[in-house]
Amino acid sequence: MSAPTSNPSDPTAASTPNQSPPTVRRKRSSAVLVAVVLVVIVVVAALAVGYEQGWFGAKKSATVGCPTGTTLQGNGAQFVEPLMSQWEPAYAATSGNQVNYPADGSGTGLTDFTSTTVDFAITDEPLDAQQTSSLPSPALTLPIVGGALAIIYNLPGVSKQLNLNGTLIADIYLGTITNWNSTLIQAANPGVNLPDQTIYTVHRSDPAGTTYVLTNLLSDDSAAWNTTVGQGISPSWPSAPKQIAEKGNTAVLTEVETTSYTIGYSDLTDVLDAKTPPSYAAIENPAGNWVSPTIADTASAIQDKLATITLPSSSGSWFDVSLVNAKGTTDYPLATFVFLFVYQALDKGFAPSSAKAQVIVQWLTWIISPTAQAYSDNTTLTSPLYYVPLPSAAVTDDQSGIQSLTFNGAAVPACS
């Protein structure tokens, strides 16, 4: 009897023992694809946020709206007080933020900055190594404007402008020259009838940037001064026969204006804007010319000096950067920068916050802008200003420094 055959069309028929089961093909679930897409979106979003926040060291490129209602606190040089009195309301009008600058003097400004009770300090003196080492955190040095120091005097009966040089001024403050009719002073002023009167020297009793600029010139021109006194904001003054110490620039001006036979020093803006401006000397420059302090001759001196030196970075040492004694024919010898100091890591400064960090960047960017620098040499104001706008090399240096400011390790985003 033959074996039964299976009927392929019969669903009840049994399979033969060696027949393989049919291959089953499953469709890929759409849920898996959606999940992959979502993961990619999350990763891309995270990368974008990290870039914006500077997690990878990248700088945020887009600007954001600046905070308003913030007050920045500064202190320091009286030299720049007239300019700050113009900058403060102008900046407030354009930003909605305030700056408070009492101008208590360079020494007080540096003390406040070192103790982090101000956001920034301003002096006419770059930081020396000791001052730098005493800071709680590295700081930037930003030149913000140029200026001139004037040598002022009160000589009744002498109408012609006096000629002086660094050596003569050093000898007067050293007490080597004691009378106005000294043969050395007379030699520099032929034909002038100088009085036979004792010279009263006037200097700042408090640490002052103007003192630094003066002693910078005297140290450059007089070996005797350089070895016995040197330069600084608060030197050990020699005992001249008649010596008067006054606290503050205004007091020095007043003393010279009201006391006969005195000699002192002040910034050019305060001298020219005084109600009764004192007489001021023409100073002999390295080219052998007697140059009266003017903005043009001070600007020329700064440009000529910068042509012979390489400016350090804002985070470098500026102590050896001197603008005195530029060698151009008409260069005024007592030229200077005014410096602003700010902590490079803004979270190490006074009452830090991310919002304040943005405002500090905004303020610093504004003061080196053409708008702010236009105030520096402006004789149309109610109180005229006689400063020198920053040369382009200094502006470029400042811009790099401002871009290096950080808060909690990340770049501070620009705001507008």
Protein backbone atom coordinates (compact mmCIF):
# COMPACT_ATOMS: atom_id res chain seq x y z
CA MET A 1 0.00 0.00 0.00
CA SER A 2 1.48 3.33 -0.99
CA ALA A 3 2.12 6.15 1.52
CA PRO A 4 -0.36 9.04 1.47
CA THR A 5 0.74 12.32 -0.21
CA SER A 6 0.18 15.75 1.32
CA ASN A 7 -2.08 18.25 -0.30
CA PRO A 8 -0.50 21.69 -0.38
CA SER A 9 -3.87 23.33 -0.43
CA ASP A 10 -5.03 21.43 2.62
CA PRO A 11 -4.43 23.53 5.73
CA THR A 12 -4.71 20.47 7.88
CA ALA A 13 -1.99 18.63 6.06
CA ALA A 14 1.21 17.94 8.04
CA SER A 15 4.61 19.20 6.85
CA THR A 16 7.25 16.84 5.83
CA PRO A 17 9.96 16.44 8.50
CA ASN A 18 12.80 18.10 6.43
CA GLN A 19 10.87 21.21 5.31
CA SER A 20 12.27 24.63 6.70
CA PRO A 21 9.79 27.05 8.24
CA PRO A 22 9.15 30.19 6.16
CA THR A 23 11.34 33.30 6.87
CA VAL A 24 9.46 35.97 8.77
CA ARG A 25 10.42 39.71 7.85
CA ARG A 26 9.37 42.36 10.37
CA LYS A 27 8.79 46.03 9.51
CA ARG A 28 11.18 48.52 11.39
CA SER A 29 9.21 50.38 14.00
CA SER A 30 8.75 54.16 13.26
CA ALA A 31 9.14 54.80 17.00
CA VAL A 32 12.85 53.91 16.80
CA LEU A 33 13.45 56.44 14.03
CA VAL A 34 11.66 59.19 15.95
CA ALA A 35 13.78 58.46 19.03
CA VAL A 36 17.01 58.76 17.04
CA VAL A 37 15.92 62.10 15.61
CA LEU A 38 15.06 63.41 19.08
CA VAL A 39 18.48 62.40 20.43
CA VAL A 40 20.20 64.25 17.59
CA ILE A 41 18.12 67.36 18.25
CA VAL A 42 18.98 67.30 21.96
CA VAL A 43 22.71 66.91 21.26
CA VAL A 44 22.73 69.78 18.75
CA ALA A 45 20.83 72.00 21.18
CA ALA A 46 23.26 71.19 23.98
CA LEU A 47 26.22 72.03 21.76
CA ALA A 48 24.64 75.34 20.82
CA VAL A 49 24.06 76.27 24.45
CA GLY A 50 27.59 75.26 25.36
CA TYR A 51 28.98 77.46 22.60
CA GLU A 52 26.88 80.41 23.68
CA GLN A 53 27.93 80.01 27.33
CA GLY A 54 31.60 79.58 26.47
CA TRP A 55 31.82 75.99 27.78
CA PHE A 56 34.34 75.12 25.07
CA GLY A 57 36.35 78.35 25.24
CA ALA A 58 34.41 79.84 22.37
CA LYS A 59 33.53 83.51 22.42
CA LYS A 60 29.93 84.47 22.16
CA SER A 61 29.51 86.32 18.90
CA ALA A 62 26.01 87.70 19.13
CA THR A 63 25.31 90.74 21.26
CA VAL A 64 22.58 90.89 23.86
CA GLY A 65 20.75 93.73 25.51
CA CYS A 66 22.80 95.44 28.24
CA PRO A 67 21.52 95.59 31.81
CA THR A 68 20.42 99.03 33.01
CA GLY A 69 20.20 100.64 36.42
CA THR A 70 23.72 99.55 37.46
CA THR A 71 26.15 101.93 39.18
CA LEU A 72 29.87 101.36 38.74
CA GLN A 73 32.21 102.62 41.46
CA GLY A 74 35.63 104.02 40.62
CA ASN A 75 38.24 106.20 42.33
CA GLY A 76 41.66 107.66 41.74
CA ALA A 77 43.44 110.52 40.00
CA GLN A 78 42.22 114.08 40.29
CA PHE A 79 44.06 114.68 37.01
CA VAL A 80 41.11 113.17 35.12
CA GLU A 81 38.27 114.50 37.28
CA PRO A 82 37.22 117.25 34.79
CA LEU A 83 36.98 114.68 31.99
CA MET A 84 35.09 112.21 34.18
CA SER A 85 32.59 114.94 35.04
CA GLN A 86 31.73 115.07 31.33
CA TRP A 87 31.90 111.33 30.69
CA GLU A 88 29.64 110.30 33.56
CA PRO A 89 26.42 112.04 32.39
CA ALA A 90 27.11 111.30 28.73
CA TYR A 91 27.52 107.58 29.42
CA ALA A 92 24.44 107.53 31.66
CA ALA A 93 22.34 109.12 28.92
CA THR A 94 23.33 106.52 26.36
CA SER A 95 23.38 103.42 28.60
CA GLY A 96 20.98 103.86 31.51
CA ASN A 97 23.87 103.04 33.86
CA GLN A 98 25.82 105.28 36.24
CA VAL A 99 29.47 105.79 37.15
CA ASN A 100 30.52 107.28 40.50
CA TYR A 101 34.05 108.71 40.59
CA PRO A 102 34.92 110.84 43.65
CA ALA A 103 38.53 111.48 42.48
CA ASP A 104 40.14 111.13 45.91
CA GLY A 105 43.62 110.88 44.40
CA SER A 106 45.76 108.18 42.81
CA GLY A 107 46.95 106.74 46.12
CA THR A 108 43.43 106.34 47.48
CA GLY A 109 42.26 104.90 44.18
CA LEU A 110 44.96 102.23 44.23
CA THR A 111 44.22 101.40 47.87
CA ASP A 112 40.52 101.03 47.09
CA PHE A 113 41.30 98.91 44.04
CA THR A 114 43.64 96.62 45.96
CA SER A 115 41.00 96.10 48.67
CA THR A 116 38.35 95.50 45.95
CA THR A 117 36.04 98.26 47.16
CA VAL A 118 35.83 99.80 43.68
CA ASP A 119 35.24 98.40 40.21
CA PHE A 120 38.14 100.32 38.70
CA ALA A 121 40.90 102.79 39.60
CA ILE A 122 42.52 105.56 37.56
CA THR A 123 46.02 107.03 37.96
CA ASP A 124 48.66 108.78 35.86
CA GLU A 125 51.14 106.17 37.10
CA PRO A 126 51.41 102.61 35.78
CA LEU A 127 51.64 99.93 38.46
CA ASP A 128 55.10 98.95 39.65
CA ALA A 129 56.08 95.37 40.55
CA GLN A 130 55.27 95.79 44.25
CA GLN A 131 51.83 97.26 43.55
CA THR A 132 51.09 94.51 41.05
CA SER A 133 52.11 91.76 43.48
CA SER A 134 49.83 93.17 46.18
CA LEU A 135 46.71 92.84 44.03
CA PRO A 136 44.40 89.94 44.90
CA SER A 137 43.99 89.07 41.22
CA PRO A 138 45.69 90.04 37.91
CA ALA A 139 44.59 93.40 36.53
CA LEU A 140 44.54 95.03 33.12
CA THR A 141 46.22 98.38 32.46
CA LEU A 142 44.21 100.46 29.99
CA PRO A 143 45.41 103.92 28.89
CA ILE A 144 42.25 106.01 28.55
CA VAL A 145 43.48 109.50 27.58
CA GLY A 146 46.66 111.57 27.24
CA GLY A 147 47.53 114.77 29.05
CA ALA A 148 50.17 117.25 30.11
CA LEU A 149 51.61 118.39 33.41
CA ALA A 150 52.26 122.13 33.76
CA ILE A 151 54.91 123.72 36.00
CA ILE A 152 53.18 126.69 37.65
CA TYR A 153 54.67 129.64 39.50
CA ASN A 154 53.87 133.01 41.07
CA LEU A 155 56.41 135.75 40.36
CA PRO A 156 55.04 139.25 40.96
CA GLY A 157 56.34 141.76 38.42
CA VAL A 158 57.49 139.10 35.92
CA SER A 159 55.16 139.11 32.92
CA LYS A 160 57.27 137.11 30.47
CA GLN A 161 56.81 133.34 30.47
CA LEU A 162 59.58 131.64 32.41
CA ASN A 163 61.88 129.06 30.83
CA LEU A 164 62.74 126.01 32.96
CA ASN A 165 64.09 122.52 32.39
CA GLY A 166 64.19 119.28 34.32
CA THR A 167 67.61 119.95 35.81
CA LEU A 168 66.62 123.39 37.10
CA ILE A 169 63.33 122.12 38.55
CA ALA A 170 65.16 119.22 40.25
CA ASP A 171 67.72 121.60 41.77
CA ILE A 172 64.92 123.87 43.03
CA TYR A 173 63.09 121.00 44.76
CA LEU A 174 66.38 119.54 46.02
CA GLY A 175 67.19 122.90 47.62
CA THR A 176 70.33 123.38 45.54
CA ILE A 177 68.81 126.47 43.93
CA THR A 178 67.13 128.60 46.58
CA ASN A 179 66.56 132.02 45.02
CA TRP A 180 64.61 133.10 41.95
CA ASN A 181 67.49 135.25 40.69
CA SER A 182 69.90 132.31 40.72
CA THR A 183 72.45 132.61 37.92
CA LEU A 184 71.31 129.21 36.60
CA ILE A 185 67.68 130.33 36.26
CA GLN A 186 68.83 133.70 34.90
CA ALA A 187 70.89 131.95 32.20
CA ALA A 188 67.75 130.23 30.92
CA ASN A 189 65.84 133.53 30.97
CA PRO A 190 68.05 136.25 29.46
CA GLY A 191 66.63 139.76 29.74
CA VAL A 192 64.13 138.83 32.47
CA ASN A 193 64.45 140.76 35.73
CA LEU A 194 64.11 137.96 38.27
CA PRO A 195 63.43 138.90 41.91
CA ASP A 196 65.90 138.31 44.69
CA GLN A 197 63.44 136.20 46.64
CA THR A 198 63.51 132.76 48.23
CA ILE A 199 61.71 130.09 46.24
CA TYR A 200 58.77 128.41 47.99
CA THR A 201 58.30 124.89 46.62
CA VAL A 202 54.79 123.42 46.66
CA HIS A 203 54.10 119.71 46.28
CA ARG A 204 51.34 117.20 46.91
CA SER A 205 51.32 115.78 50.43
CA ASP A 206 49.13 112.87 49.32
CA PRO A 207 50.14 110.16 46.82
CA ALA A 208 49.46 111.69 43.41
CA GLY A 209 49.83 110.79 39.77
CA THR A 210 50.91 114.34 38.97
CA THR A 211 53.81 113.84 41.38
CA TYR A 212 54.73 110.68 39.48
CA VAL A 213 54.85 112.54 36.14
CA LEU A 214 56.98 115.31 37.62
CA THR A 215 59.43 112.92 39.31
CA ASN A 216 59.56 110.85 36.13
CA LEU A 217 60.96 113.89 34.27
CA LEU A 218 63.28 114.90 37.12
CA SER A 219 64.71 111.38 37.35
CA ASP A 220 65.27 111.43 33.59
CA ASP A 221 67.02 114.82 33.57
CA SER A 222 68.86 114.94 36.90
CA ALA A 223 71.28 112.27 38.12
CA ALA A 224 71.20 113.87 41.57
CA TRP A 225 67.41 113.59 41.76
CA ASN A 226 67.41 110.05 40.39
CA THR A 227 69.86 108.78 43.00
CA THR A 228 68.46 110.65 46.02
CA VAL A 229 64.71 110.80 45.41
CA GLY A 230 63.66 108.86 42.31
CA GLN A 231 60.17 108.67 40.85
CA GLY A 232 56.82 107.74 42.34
CA ILE A 233 53.46 109.00 43.51
CA SER A 234 54.70 109.65 47.05
CA PRO A 235 58.48 110.23 47.12
CA SER A 236 60.49 111.28 50.13
CA TRP A 237 60.63 115.00 49.40
CA PRO A 238 63.91 116.82 50.10
CA SER A 239 63.88 119.68 52.60
CA ALA A 240 63.99 122.81 50.47
CA PRO A 241 64.37 126.12 52.36
CA LYS A 242 60.70 126.97 52.01
CA GLN A 243 58.60 123.90 51.42
CA ILE A 244 54.81 123.71 51.35
CA ALA A 245 52.89 120.42 51.15
CA GLU A 246 49.23 120.49 50.13
CA LYS A 247 46.69 117.70 49.89
CA GLY A 248 44.95 117.58 46.55
CA ASN A 249 45.48 119.24 43.21
CA THR A 250 43.10 122.11 43.93
CA ALA A 251 45.02 123.00 47.09
CA VAL A 252 48.32 123.09 45.18
CA LEU A 253 46.79 125.41 42.58
CA THR A 254 45.33 127.69 45.23
CA GLU A 255 48.61 127.86 47.14
CA VAL A 256 50.56 128.91 44.06
CA GLU A 257 47.87 131.35 42.91
CA THR A 258 47.75 133.12 46.28
CA THR A 259 51.34 132.90 47.55
CA SER A 260 54.10 134.96 45.95
CA TYR A 261 57.39 133.36 44.85
CA THR A 262 56.00 129.82 44.79
CA ILE A 263 56.50 127.02 42.27
CA GLY A 264 54.31 123.93 41.90
CA TYR A 265 52.71 121.61 39.37
CA SER A 266 49.25 120.70 38.09
CA ASP A 267 47.54 119.11 35.11
CA LEU A 268 47.02 121.44 32.15
CA THR A 269 43.20 121.27 32.18
CA ASP A 270 42.96 122.53 35.76
CA VAL A 271 45.54 125.23 35.10
CA LEU A 272 43.84 126.62 32.00
CA ASP A 273 40.35 126.33 33.46
CA ALA A 274 41.18 128.05 36.76
CA LYS A 275 39.27 131.27 37.53
CA THR A 276 42.60 133.08 37.87
CA PRO A 277 45.03 130.86 35.94
CA PRO A 278 48.56 130.87 37.35
CA SER A 279 51.59 131.46 35.17
CA TYR A 280 53.17 128.32 33.75
CA ALA A 281 56.62 127.68 32.35
CA ALA A 282 57.93 126.71 28.96
CA ILE A 283 59.99 123.53 29.43
CA GLU A 284 63.15 122.71 27.52
CA ASN A 285 62.80 119.51 25.51
CA PRO A 286 65.57 117.10 24.42
CA ALA A 287 65.82 118.96 21.08
CA GLY A 288 66.87 122.07 23.03
CA ASN A 289 63.67 124.04 22.45
CA TRP A 290 61.53 125.80 25.07
CA VAL A 291 58.01 124.43 24.62
CA SER A 292 54.87 125.75 26.28
CA PRO A 293 52.26 123.10 27.21
CA THR A 294 49.62 122.90 24.49
CA ILE A 295 47.43 120.05 23.29
CA ALA A 296 49.12 120.03 19.89
CA ASP A 297 52.65 119.77 21.33
CA THR A 298 51.54 117.18 23.89
CA ALA A 299 49.83 115.07 21.20
CA SER A 300 52.98 115.33 19.09
CA ALA A 301 55.08 114.17 22.04
CA ILE A 302 52.87 111.13 22.64
CA GLN A 303 52.90 110.13 18.96
CA ASP A 304 56.67 110.54 18.73
CA LYS A 305 57.22 108.48 21.88
CA LEU A 306 54.95 105.68 20.66
CA ALA A 307 56.94 105.56 17.43
CA THR A 308 60.03 104.56 19.43
CA ILE A 309 58.52 101.99 21.82
CA THR A 310 56.34 98.90 21.65
CA LEU A 311 53.33 99.06 23.90
CA PRO A 312 52.89 96.05 26.19
CA SER A 313 49.64 94.12 26.23
CA SER A 314 46.99 95.25 28.68
CA SER A 315 47.89 92.33 30.94
CA GLY A 316 51.62 93.12 30.79
CA SER A 317 53.79 95.52 32.80
CA TRP A 318 53.52 99.19 31.86
CA PHE A 319 55.85 100.53 34.53
CA ASP A 320 58.68 101.29 32.10
CA VAL A 321 56.37 103.03 29.62
CA SER A 322 57.26 106.72 29.94
CA LEU A 323 56.03 109.52 27.70
CA VAL A 324 58.29 112.25 29.10
CA ASN A 325 61.09 113.76 27.03
CA ALA A 326 59.97 112.84 23.51
CA LYS A 327 62.63 113.96 21.05
CA GLY A 328 60.61 115.83 18.42
CA THR A 329 61.37 119.49 17.73
CA THR A 330 58.15 120.82 19.25
CA ASP A 331 57.38 117.97 21.66
CA TYR A 332 56.31 119.06 25.14
CA PRO A 333 58.45 117.13 27.68
CA LEU A 334 55.82 116.52 30.40
CA ALA A 335 53.35 114.32 28.51
CA THR A 336 51.60 111.36 30.09
CA PHE A 337 48.93 108.72 29.70
CA VAL A 338 46.16 108.35 32.24
CA PHE A 339 45.62 104.67 33.12
CA LEU A 340 42.55 102.73 34.21
CA PHE A 341 42.95 99.45 36.13
CA VAL A 342 40.33 96.70 36.16
CA TYR A 343 40.53 93.07 37.25
CA GLN A 344 40.80 90.77 34.24
CA ALA A 345 38.59 88.21 36.00
CA LEU A 346 35.63 90.43 36.82
CA ASP A 347 34.27 87.89 39.30
CA LYS A 348 37.31 88.76 41.49
CA GLY A 349 36.36 92.43 41.71
CA PHE A 350 34.01 94.56 43.78
CA ALA A 351 30.53 93.06 44.40
CA PRO A 352 30.74 90.91 41.26
CA SER A 353 27.77 89.77 39.19
CA SER A 354 27.34 88.72 35.59
CA ALA A 355 25.17 91.77 34.94
CA LYS A 356 27.79 94.16 36.34
CA ALA A 357 30.47 92.42 34.27
CA GLN A 358 28.53 93.27 31.13
CA VAL A 359 28.15 96.88 32.22
CA ILE A 360 31.89 97.17 32.94
CA VAL A 361 32.64 95.92 29.43
CA GLN A 362 30.09 98.39 28.06
CA TRP A 363 31.63 101.29 30.03
CA LEU A 364 35.21 100.51 29.01
CA THR A 365 34.22 100.08 25.37
CA TRP A 366 32.41 103.42 25.48
CA ILE A 367 35.25 105.49 26.99
CA ILE A 368 37.70 104.49 24.23
CA SER A 369 35.11 105.10 21.51
CA PRO A 370 35.35 108.16 19.21
CA THR A 371 32.25 109.57 20.94
CA ALA A 372 33.87 109.61 24.38
CA GLN A 373 37.35 110.57 23.18
CA ALA A 374 35.87 113.62 21.44
CA TYR A 375 35.27 115.14 24.89
CA SER A 376 38.99 115.07 25.77
CA ASP A 377 40.03 118.16 23.82
CA ASN A 378 36.90 120.29 23.80
CA THR A 379 37.13 124.01 24.45
CA THR A 380 33.43 124.63 23.65
CA LEU A 381 32.26 123.17 26.97
CA THR A 382 31.29 125.35 29.93
CA SER A 383 34.42 123.99 31.59
CA PRO A 384 36.83 123.42 28.67
CA LEU A 385 38.92 120.26 28.60
CA TYR A 386 42.56 120.05 27.54
CA TYR A 387 43.46 116.38 27.17
CA VAL A 388 44.87 114.39 24.25
CA PRO A 389 42.62 111.77 22.60
CA LEU A 390 44.05 108.26 22.60
CA PRO A 391 46.23 107.42 19.59
CA SER A 392 45.08 104.45 17.52
CA ALA A 393 47.82 102.14 18.83
CA ALA A 394 46.57 102.59 22.39
CA VAL A 395 42.93 102.10 21.33
CA THR A 396 43.83 98.81 19.63
CA ASP A 397 45.70 97.68 22.75
CA ASP A 398 42.70 98.54 24.93
CA GLN A 399 40.25 96.72 22.67
CA SER A 400 42.26 93.50 22.96
CA GLY A 401 42.35 93.88 26.72
CA ILE A 402 38.61 94.47 27.02
CA GLN A 403 37.93 91.38 24.90
CA SER A 404 40.00 89.32 27.35
CA LEU A 405 37.79 90.14 30.35
CA THR A 406 36.08 87.13 31.88
CA PHE A 407 33.42 86.26 34.44
CA ASN A 408 33.64 82.85 36.14
CA GLY A 409 36.13 81.77 33.50
CA ALA A 410 33.99 82.59 30.47
CA ALA A 411 34.20 85.52 28.10
CA VAL A 412 31.83 88.36 28.92
CA PRO A 413 29.29 88.64 26.09
CA ALA A 414 29.13 91.99 24.34
CA CYS A 415 25.93 93.90 24.86
CA SER A 416 24.30 96.92 23.29
